[in-house]
C-alpha atoms as a PDB file:
ATOM      1  CA  MET A   1      -3.914  19.161 -19.323  1.00  0.00           C
ATOM      2  CA  SER A   2      -4.983  16.585 -16.713  1.00  0.00           C
ATOM      3  CA  ASP A   3      -8.594  16.301 -15.599  1.00  0.00           C
ATOM      4  CA  TRP A   4      -7.808  15.260 -12.031  1.00  0.00           C
ATOM      5  CA  LEU A   5      -7.374  17.288  -8.867  1.00  0.00           C
ATOM      6  CA  GLY A   6      -3.842  18.156  -7.764  1.00  0.00           C
ATOM      7  CA  PRO A   7      -0.531  16.703  -8.955  1.00  0.00           C
ATOM      8  CA  PHE A   8      -0.023  13.031  -9.820  1.00  0.00           C
ATOM      9  CA  ASP A   9       3.451  11.461  -9.955  1.00  0.00           C
ATOM     10  CA  LEU A  10       3.009   7.980 -11.391  1.00  0.00           C
ATOM     11  CA  ALA A  11       6.549   6.756 -10.710  1.00  0.00           C
ATOM     12  CA  ALA A  12       6.684   8.011  -7.125  1.00  0.00           C
ATOM     13  CA  THR A  13       3.254   6.563  -6.401  1.00  0.00           C
ATOM     14  CA  LEU A  14       4.139   3.108  -7.723  1.00  0.00           C
ATOM     15  CA  THR A  15       7.649   2.870  -6.237  1.00  0.00           C
ATOM     16  CA  CYS A  16       7.123   4.303  -2.749  1.00  0.00           C
ATOM     17  CA  GLY A  17       6.507   0.956  -1.068  1.00  0.00           C
ATOM     18  CA  GLN A  18       2.722   0.850  -0.935  1.00  0.00           C
ATOM     19  CA  CYS A  19       2.242  -1.800  -3.657  1.00  0.00           C
ATOM     20  CA  PHE A  20       4.220  -4.721  -5.068  1.00  0.00           C
ATOM     21  CA  ARG A  21       2.760  -5.689  -8.459  1.00  0.00           C
ATOM     22  CA  TRP A  22       4.109  -2.970 -10.754  1.00  0.00           C
ATOM     23  CA  ARG A  23       7.256  -3.219 -12.860  1.00  0.00           C
ATOM     24  CA  GLU A  24       9.002  -0.354 -14.583  1.00  0.00           C
ATOM     25  CA  GLY A  25       9.917  -0.816 -18.232  1.00  0.00           C
ATOM     26  CA  GLU A  26      12.998   0.522 -19.986  1.00  0.00           C
ATOM     27  CA  ASP A  27      10.867   3.282 -21.512  1.00  0.00           C
ATOM     28  CA  GLY A  28       9.727   4.503 -18.085  1.00  0.00           C
ATOM     29  CA  SER A  29       6.258   2.995 -18.332  1.00  0.00           C
ATOM     30  CA  PHE A  30       4.827   0.719 -15.631  1.00  0.00           C
ATOM     31  CA  SER A  31       3.015  -2.575 -16.104  1.00  0.00           C
ATOM     32  CA  GLY A  32       0.938  -4.134 -13.394  1.00  0.00           C
ATOM     33  CA  VAL A  33      -2.224  -5.885 -12.299  1.00  0.00           C
ATOM     34  CA  ALA A  34      -5.035  -4.728 -10.027  1.00  0.00           C
ATOM     35  CA  PHE A  35      -8.561  -6.048  -9.527  1.00  0.00           C
ATOM     36  CA  GLY A  36      -7.994  -8.711 -12.167  1.00  0.00           C
ATOM     37  CA  ARG A  37      -7.044  -6.159 -14.831  1.00  0.00           C
ATOM     38  CA  THR A  38      -3.668  -5.518 -16.421  1.00  0.00           C
ATOM     39  CA  LEU A  39      -2.382  -2.095 -17.399  1.00  0.00           C
ATOM     40  CA  THR A  40       0.697  -0.572 -18.956  1.00  0.00           C
ATOM     41  CA  VAL A  41       0.790   3.133 -18.202  1.00  0.00           C
ATOM     42  CA  SER A  42       3.231   6.031 -18.450  1.00  0.00           C
ATOM     43  CA  GLU A  43       3.164   9.645 -17.350  1.00  0.00           C
ATOM     44  CA  GLU A  44       2.109  10.497 -20.902  1.00  0.00           C
ATOM     45  CA  SER A  45      -0.718   7.928 -21.063  1.00  0.00           C
ATOM     46  CA  ALA A  46      -2.055   8.429 -17.531  1.00  0.00           C
ATOM     47  CA  GLY A  47      -4.828  10.642 -18.851  1.00  0.00           C
ATOM     48  CA  GLN A  48      -6.034   7.880 -21.134  1.00  0.00           C
ATOM     49  CA  ALA A  49      -5.944   5.364 -18.270  1.00  0.00           C
ATOM     50  CA  ALA A  50      -7.921   7.810 -16.127  1.00  0.00           C
ATOM     51  CA  GLU A  51     -10.831   7.570 -18.561  1.00  0.00           C
ATOM     52  CA  ASP A  52     -11.443   4.063 -17.209  1.00  0.00           C
ATOM     53  CA  PRO A  53     -13.348   4.332 -13.882  1.00  0.00           C
ATOM     54  CA  LEU A  54     -11.412   1.410 -12.393  1.00  0.00           C
ATOM     55  CA  TRP A  55      -8.001   3.015 -12.884  1.00  0.00           C
ATOM     56  CA  ARG A  56      -9.285   6.482 -12.019  1.00  0.00           C
ATOM     57  CA  SER A  57     -10.421   5.114  -8.667  1.00  0.00           C
ATOM     58  CA  TYR A  58      -7.305   2.966  -8.189  1.00  0.00           C
ATOM     59  CA  PHE A  59      -4.991   5.970  -8.590  1.00  0.00           C
ATOM     60  CA  ASP A  60      -7.354   8.069  -6.406  1.00  0.00           C
ATOM     61  CA  LEU A  61      -7.530  10.820  -9.002  1.00  0.00           C
ATOM     62  CA  ASP A  62     -10.670  12.496  -7.680  1.00  0.00           C
ATOM     63  CA  LEU A  63      -9.209  13.452  -4.312  1.00  0.00           C
ATOM     64  CA  ASP A  64      -7.635  16.922  -4.222  1.00  0.00           C
ATOM     65  CA  TYR A  65      -4.124  16.086  -3.017  1.00  0.00           C
ATOM     66  CA  GLY A  66      -2.989  19.620  -3.744  1.00  0.00           C
ATOM     67  CA  ALA A  67      -5.370  21.014  -1.125  1.00  0.00           C
ATOM     68  CA  ILE A  68      -4.416  18.276   1.343  1.00  0.00           C
ATOM     69  CA  ARG A  69      -0.708  18.963   0.827  1.00  0.00           C
ATOM     70  CA  ARG A  70      -1.227  22.657   1.516  1.00  0.00           C
ATOM     71  CA  GLU A  71      -3.127  21.828   4.696  1.00  0.00           C
ATOM     72  CA  LEU A  72      -0.400  19.441   5.864  1.00  0.00           C
ATOM     73  CA  SER A  73       2.417  21.828   4.906  1.00  0.00           C
ATOM     74  CA  ALA A  74       0.961  24.445   7.223  1.00  0.00           C
ATOM     75  CA  LEU A  75       1.593  22.135  10.203  1.00  0.00           C
ATOM     76  CA  SER A  76       5.397  22.486  10.159  1.00  0.00           C
ATOM     77  CA  PRO A  77       8.314  23.532   7.914  1.00  0.00           C
ATOM     78  CA  GLU A  78       9.684  19.973   8.058  1.00  0.00           C
ATOM     79  CA  LEU A  79       6.454  18.511   6.739  1.00  0.00           C
ATOM     80  CA  GLU A  80       6.294  21.193   4.045  1.00  0.00           C
ATOM     81  CA  THR A  81       9.778  20.134   2.880  1.00  0.00           C
ATOM     82  CA  ALA A  82       8.848  16.448   2.819  1.00  0.00           C
ATOM     83  CA  ALA A  83       5.558  17.085   1.021  1.00  0.00           C
ATOM     84  CA  SER A  84       7.253  19.293  -1.568  1.00  0.00           C
ATOM     85  CA  PHE A  85       9.812  16.612  -2.400  1.00  0.00           C
ATOM     86  CA  ALA A  86       7.260  14.348  -4.101  1.00  0.00           C
ATOM     87  CA  PRO A  87       3.976  16.275  -4.155  1.00  0.00           C
ATOM     88  CA  GLY A  88       2.421  13.933  -6.694  1.00  0.00           C
ATOM     89  CA  ILE A  89       2.383  10.796  -4.521  1.00  0.00           C
ATOM     90  CA  ARG A  90      -1.107   9.393  -4.082  1.00  0.00           C
ATOM     91  CA  ILE A  91      -2.430   6.618  -1.867  1.00  0.00           C
ATOM     92  CA  LEU A  92      -3.634   3.850  -4.140  1.00  0.00           C
ATOM     93  CA  ARG A  93      -7.091   2.373  -3.603  1.00  0.00           C
ATOM     94  CA  GLN A  94      -5.985  -1.253  -3.531  1.00  0.00           C
ATOM     95  CA  ASP A  95      -8.045  -4.372  -2.930  1.00  0.00           C
ATOM     96  CA  PRO A  96      -8.267  -4.862   0.862  1.00  0.00           C
ATOM     97  CA  TRP A  97      -7.422  -8.567   0.797  1.00  0.00           C
ATOM     98  CA  GLU A  98      -4.484  -8.112  -1.568  1.00  0.00           C
ATOM     99  CA  ALA A  99      -3.036  -5.320   0.578  1.00  0.00           C
ATOM    100  CA  LEU A 100      -3.467  -7.287   3.808  1.00  0.00           C
ATOM    101  CA  CYS A 101      -1.872 -10.412   2.367  1.00  0.00           C
ATOM    102  CA  SER A 102       0.946  -8.483   0.688  1.00  0.00           C
ATOM    103  CA  PHE A 103       1.908  -6.644   3.854  1.00  0.00           C
ATOM    104  CA  ILE A 104       1.854  -9.879   5.838  1.00  0.00           C
ATOM    105  CA  LEU A 105       4.404 -11.138   3.311  1.00  0.00           C
ATOM    106  CA  SER A 106       6.378  -7.893   3.633  1.00  0.00           C
ATOM    107  CA  GLN A 107       7.442  -8.488   7.232  1.00  0.00           C
ATOM    108  CA  ASN A 108      11.221  -8.343   7.790  1.00  0.00           C
ATOM    109  CA  ASN A 109      11.703  -8.179   4.042  1.00  0.00           C
ATOM    110  CA  ASN A 110      12.931  -5.810   1.329  1.00  0.00           C
ATOM    111  CA  ILE A 111      10.853  -4.562  -1.583  1.00  0.00           C
ATOM    112  CA  PRO A 112      12.484  -6.634  -4.394  1.00  0.00           C
ATOM    113  CA  ARG A 113      12.055  -9.832  -2.382  1.00  0.00           C
ATOM    114  CA  ILE A 114       8.463  -8.957  -1.445  1.00  0.00           C
ATOM    115  CA  MET A 115       7.684  -8.391  -5.124  1.00  0.00           C
ATOM    116  CA  GLY A 116       9.138 -11.809  -5.966  1.00  0.00           C
ATOM    117  CA  ILE A 117       7.080 -13.585  -3.301  1.00  0.00           C
ATOM    118  CA  VAL A 118       3.877 -11.823  -4.397  1.00  0.00           C
ATOM    119  CA  ASP A 119       4.608 -12.731  -8.028  1.00  0.00           C
ATOM    120  CA  ARG A 120       5.061 -16.391  -7.097  1.00  0.00           C
ATOM    121  CA  LEU A 121       1.861 -16.335  -5.046  1.00  0.00           C
ATOM    122  CA  CYS A 122      -0.104 -15.063  -8.044  1.00  0.00           C
ATOM    123  CA  GLU A 123       1.568 -17.408 -10.523  1.00  0.00           C
ATOM    124  CA  ASN A 124       0.907 -20.461  -8.362  1.00  0.00           C
ATOM    125  CA  PHE A 125      -2.564 -19.707  -7.057  1.00  0.00           C
ATOM    126  CA  GLY A 126      -4.042 -16.851  -9.084  1.00  0.00           C
ATOM    127  CA  GLU A 127      -6.003 -17.108 -12.323  1.00  0.00           C
ATOM    128  CA  PRO A 128      -4.361 -16.381 -15.681  1.00  0.00           C
ATOM    129  CA  LEU A 129      -5.629 -13.146 -17.175  1.00  0.00           C
ATOM    130  CA  PRO A 130      -6.549 -12.640 -20.842  1.00  0.00           C
ATOM    131  CA  GLU A 131      -4.086  -9.778 -21.255  1.00  0.00           C
ATOM    132  CA  GLY A 132      -1.261 -11.629 -19.500  1.00  0.00           C
ATOM    133  CA  GLY A 133      -0.265 -11.989 -15.887  1.00  0.00           C
ATOM    134  CA  PHE A 134      -2.230 -13.517 -13.039  1.00  0.00           C
ATOM    135  CA  SER A 135      -4.906 -12.325 -10.678  1.00  0.00           C
ATOM    136  CA  PHE A 136      -4.244 -12.080  -6.961  1.00  0.00           C
ATOM    137  CA  PRO A 137      -5.593 -15.284  -5.371  1.00  0.00           C
ATOM    138  CA  GLU A 138      -8.784 -14.882  -3.391  1.00  0.00           C
ATOM    139  CA  PRO A 139      -8.758 -15.858   0.286  1.00  0.00           C
ATOM    140  CA  GLU A 140     -11.055 -18.772  -0.512  1.00  0.00           C
ATOM    141  CA  ARG A 141      -8.376 -20.173  -2.845  1.00  0.00           C
ATOM    142  CA  LEU A 142      -5.741 -20.070  -0.117  1.00  0.00           C
ATOM    143  CA  ALA A 143      -7.847 -21.033   2.899  1.00  0.00           C
ATOM    144  CA  GLY A 144      -7.712 -24.763   2.222  1.00  0.00           C
ATOM    145  CA  LEU A 145      -3.970 -24.896   1.567  1.00  0.00           C
ATOM    146  CA  SER A 146      -1.190 -26.012   3.887  1.00  0.00           C
ATOM    147  CA  VAL A 147       2.155 -24.439   4.737  1.00  0.00           C
ATOM    148  CA  GLU A 148       3.716 -27.094   2.495  1.00  0.00           C
ATOM    149  CA  ASP A 149       1.533 -25.964  -0.417  1.00  0.00           C
ATOM    150  CA  LEU A 150       3.037 -22.478  -0.086  1.00  0.00           C
ATOM    151  CA  ALA A 151       6.628 -23.768  -0.225  1.00  0.00           C
ATOM    152  CA  PRO A 152       7.115 -22.563  -3.850  1.00  0.00           C
ATOM    153  CA  LEU A 153       6.649 -18.995  -2.608  1.00  0.00           C
ATOM    154  CA  ARG A 154       9.777 -19.237  -0.423  1.00  0.00           C
ATOM    155  CA  CYS A 155       8.127 -16.962   2.131  1.00  0.00           C
ATOM    156  CA  GLY A 156       9.285 -18.821   5.242  1.00  0.00           C
ATOM    157  CA  PHE A 157       7.533 -18.150   8.541  1.00  0.00           C
ATOM    158  CA  ARG A 158       5.047 -15.845   6.815  1.00  0.00           C
ATOM    159  CA  ALA A 159       3.221 -18.787   5.187  1.00  0.00           C
ATOM    160  CA  ARG A 160       1.224 -19.702   8.267  1.00  0.00           C
ATOM    161  CA  TYR A 161       0.273 -16.065   8.796  1.00  0.00           C
ATOM    162  CA  VAL A 162      -1.086 -15.817   5.241  1.00  0.00           C
ATOM    163  CA  LEU A 163      -3.093 -19.004   5.734  1.00  0.00           C
ATOM    164  CA  ASP A 164      -4.553 -17.809   9.021  1.00  0.00           C
ATOM    165  CA  ALA A 165      -5.579 -14.527   7.386  1.00  0.00           C
ATOM    166  CA  ALA A 166      -7.130 -16.351   4.410  1.00  0.00           C
ATOM    167  CA  ARG A 167      -9.136 -18.668   6.676  1.00  0.00           C
ATOM    168  CA  ARG A 168     -10.441 -15.843   8.836  1.00  0.00           C
ATOM    169  CA  VAL A 169     -11.444 -13.725   5.831  1.00  0.00           C
ATOM    170  CA  ALA A 170     -12.877 -16.593   3.755  1.00  0.00           C
ATOM    171  CA  GLY A 171     -14.769 -17.983   6.749  1.00  0.00           C
ATOM    172  CA  GLY A 172     -16.457 -14.665   7.500  1.00  0.00           C
ATOM    173  CA  GLU A 173     -14.753 -14.187  10.849  1.00  0.00           C
ATOM    174  CA  LEU A 174     -12.998 -11.088   9.537  1.00  0.00           C
ATOM    175  CA  PRO A 175     -15.177  -9.325   6.920  1.00  0.00           C
ATOM    176  CA  LEU A 176     -12.802  -6.751   5.523  1.00  0.00           C
ATOM    177  CA  ASP A 177     -15.551  -4.497   4.205  1.00  0.00           C
ATOM    178  CA  GLU A 178     -16.875  -4.172   7.750  1.00  0.00           C
ATOM    179  CA  VAL A 179     -13.424  -3.729   9.267  1.00  0.00           C
ATOM    180  CA  ALA A 180     -12.793  -0.876   6.831  1.00  0.00           C
ATOM    181  CA  VAL A 181     -15.515   1.301   8.369  1.00  0.00           C
ATOM    182  CA  LEU A 182     -14.876   0.567  12.047  1.00  0.00           C
ATOM    183  CA  PRO A 183     -13.426   3.275  14.305  1.00  0.00           C
ATOM    184  CA  LEU A 184      -9.676   3.136  13.818  1.00  0.00           C
ATOM    185  CA  PRO A 185      -8.810   1.543  17.201  1.00  0.00           C
ATOM    186  CA  GLU A 186     -11.388  -1.211  16.635  1.00  0.00           C
ATOM    187  CA  ALA A 187     -10.208  -1.807  13.068  1.00  0.00           C
ATOM    188  CA  ARG A 188      -6.616  -2.166  14.285  1.00  0.00           C
ATOM    189  CA  GLU A 189      -7.704  -4.596  16.973  1.00  0.00           C
ATOM    190  CA  ALA A 190      -9.708  -6.708  14.509  1.00  0.00           C
ATOM    191  CA  LEU A 191      -6.790  -7.058  12.086  1.00  0.00           C
ATOM    192  CA  GLN A 192      -4.399  -7.946  14.884  1.00  0.00           C
ATOM    193  CA  THR A 193      -6.443 -11.058  15.679  1.00  0.00           C
ATOM    194  CA  ILE A 194      -4.661 -12.602  12.685  1.00  0.00           C
ATOM    195  CA  ASP A 195      -1.582 -14.631  13.604  1.00  0.00           C
ATOM    196  CA  GLY A 196       1.530 -12.589  12.935  1.00  0.00           C
ATOM    197  CA  VAL A 197      -0.251  -9.288  12.285  1.00  0.00           C
ATOM    198  CA  GLY A 198       1.078  -6.561  14.554  1.00  0.00           C
ATOM    199  CA  PRO A 199       0.539  -2.807  14.597  1.00  0.00           C
ATOM    200  CA  LYS A 200       2.620  -2.020  11.501  1.00  0.00           C
ATOM    201  CA  VAL A 201       0.984  -4.581   9.184  1.00  0.00           C
ATOM    202  CA  ALA A 202      -2.469  -3.665  10.473  1.00  0.00           C
ATOM    203  CA  GLU A 203      -1.779   0.017   9.807  1.00  0.00           C
ATOM    204  CA  CYS A 204      -0.529  -0.728   6.277  1.00  0.00           C
ATOM    205  CA  ALA A 205      -3.623  -2.808   5.512  1.00  0.00           C
ATOM    206  CA  LEU A 206      -5.822   0.029   6.731  1.00  0.00           C
ATOM    207  CA  LEU A 207      -4.043   2.803   4.831  1.00  0.00           C
ATOM    208  CA  TYR A 208      -3.182   1.038   1.590  1.00  0.00           C
ATOM    209  CA  GLY A 209      -6.018  -1.501   1.371  1.00  0.00           C
ATOM    210  CA  MET A 210      -8.943   0.260   3.033  1.00  0.00           C
ATOM    211  CA  HIS A 211      -7.983   3.862   2.255  1.00  0.00           C
ATOM    212  CA  ARG A 212      -8.104   4.865   5.886  1.00  0.00           C
ATOM    213  CA  LEU A 213      -6.192   8.094   5.486  1.00  0.00           C
ATOM    214  CA  ASP A 214      -6.011   8.494   9.259  1.00  0.00           C
ATOM    215  CA  ALA A 215      -3.834   5.353   9.578  1.00  0.00           C
ATOM    216  CA  PHE A 216      -0.106   5.877  10.103  1.00  0.00           C
ATOM    217  CA  PRO A 217       2.287   2.916   9.585  1.00  0.00           C
ATOM    218  CA  LEU A 218       5.465   3.103  11.658  1.00  0.00           C
ATOM    219  CA  ASP A 219       8.496   1.095  10.556  1.00  0.00           C
ATOM    220  CA  VAL A 220      12.191   1.650  11.311  1.00  0.00           C
ATOM    221  CA  TRP A 221      12.471   4.486   8.777  1.00  0.00           C
ATOM    222  CA  MET A 222       9.381   6.242  10.067  1.00  0.00           C
ATOM    223  CA  ARG A 223      10.368   5.945  13.717  1.00  0.00           C
ATOM    224  CA  ARG A 224      13.733   7.498  12.902  1.00  0.00           C
ATOM    225  CA  ALA A 225      12.046  10.187  10.812  1.00  0.00           C
ATOM    226  CA  MET A 226       9.621  11.017  13.596  1.00  0.00           C
ATOM    227  CA  GLN A 227      12.437  11.270  16.144  1.00  0.00           C
ATOM    228  CA  THR A 228      14.557  13.443  13.830  1.00  0.00           C
ATOM    229  CA  LEU A 229      11.983  15.662  12.136  1.00  0.00           C
ATOM    230  CA  PHE A 230       9.067  15.664  14.577  1.00  0.00           C
ATOM    231  CA  PRO A 231      10.493  15.035  18.065  1.00  0.00           C
ATOM    232  CA  GLY A 232       7.815  14.706  20.709  1.00  0.00           C
ATOM    233  CA  LYS A 233       5.041  14.448  18.115  1.00  0.00           C
ATOM    234  CA  SER A 234       2.665  11.497  17.673  1.00  0.00           C
ATOM    235  CA  PRO A 235       0.746  10.508  14.524  1.00  0.00           C
ATOM    236  CA  ASP A 236      -2.225  12.462  15.886  1.00  0.00           C
ATOM    237  CA  PHE A 237      -0.249  15.633  15.119  1.00  0.00           C
ATOM    238  CA  PHE A 238      -0.919  15.104  11.405  1.00  0.00           C
ATOM    239  CA  GLY A 239      -4.716  15.006  11.726  1.00  0.00           C
ATOM    240  CA  PRO A 240      -7.216  13.253   9.446  1.00  0.00           C
ATOM    241  CA  PHE A 241      -4.721  12.967   6.570  1.00  0.00           C
ATOM    242  CA  ALA A 242      -1.980  11.415   8.699  1.00  0.00           C
ATOM    243  CA  GLY A 243      -1.563   8.575   6.199  1.00  0.00           C
ATOM    244  CA  ILE A 244      -0.789  10.963   3.369  1.00  0.00           C
ATOM    245  CA  ALA A 245       1.648  12.835   5.602  1.00  0.00           C
ATOM    246  CA  GLN A 246       3.257   9.502   6.464  1.00  0.00           C
ATOM    247  CA  GLN A 247       3.792   8.720   2.797  1.00  0.00           C
ATOM    248  CA  TYR A 248       5.401  12.098   2.132  1.00  0.00           C
ATOM    249  CA  VAL A 249       7.712  11.710   5.147  1.00  0.00           C
ATOM    250  CA  PHE A 250       8.535   8.061   4.443  1.00  0.00           C
ATOM    251  CA  HIS A 251       9.466   8.691   0.807  1.00  0.00           C
ATOM    252  CA  TYR A 252      11.464  11.819   1.634  1.00  0.00           C
ATOM    253  CA  SER A 253      13.333  10.135   4.499  1.00  0.00           C
ATOM    254  CA  ARG A 254      14.110   6.968   2.559  1.00  0.00           C
ATOM    255  CA  LEU A 255      15.717   9.012  -0.218  1.00  0.00           C
ATOM    256  CA  HIS A 256      17.568  11.328   2.186  1.00  0.00           C
ATOM    257  CA  PRO A 257      19.507   8.983   4.495  1.00  0.00           C
ATOM    258  CA  GLU A 258      21.885  11.829   5.326  1.00  0.00           C
ATOM    259  CA  LEU A 259      19.164  13.173   7.634  1.00  0.00           C
ATOM    260  CA  PHE A 260      20.035  10.424  10.084  1.00  0.00           C
ATOM    261  CA  GLU A 261      23.827  10.618  10.018  1.00  0.00           C
END
């Protein structure tokens, strides 16, 4: 029996598009890196991983997602259906810089290619870890680099955006720990001072990197889902847990393309 609140679906959580450093093995386990630590974990071994405070926090196991899902499901039958499809999805508590940088690299990209670019970023500029793999490079490591230095990443136009973000964060112009606690409109505005960061990337950085559960990323899938399932509704409809609602709807919609035919 698990010792965390509400359901936890490891696979859905790690493959729903909120993170890019986990790989699924043939046995169904996942291997990845976060906060300079490596982990191989499966549904069966999640309880053991949860004994480590770092992973317990990372997988957000002390928030009662069951209660939140019930609260969200009461808002509409459509949201209840989406939330019931993958009730064990959780919003990871990722490093703010890693999430910001990763979602800058995600622009106009697909998940396999994003994962490749992030891997190359870590291999070229991260630190090797004792248990294998590489850490995510700190902004200070990237701030002094040039677009040419990032050529091995094959990330195209995104390179200069990553460098601008690294320089602003490393130089203290954009302290992410302070941004994380700003009122949401001010936090969005602060992140969008970075070259190439628009509303969607800012919202992803807030939700996935700063655990602002009131943030609500809107991409093509989500705009279509909102128009189809929640016509006339804005993200405010979903309340303080809008980000969790977004993840339920995004995952459900992505795996049910027939909704939009």
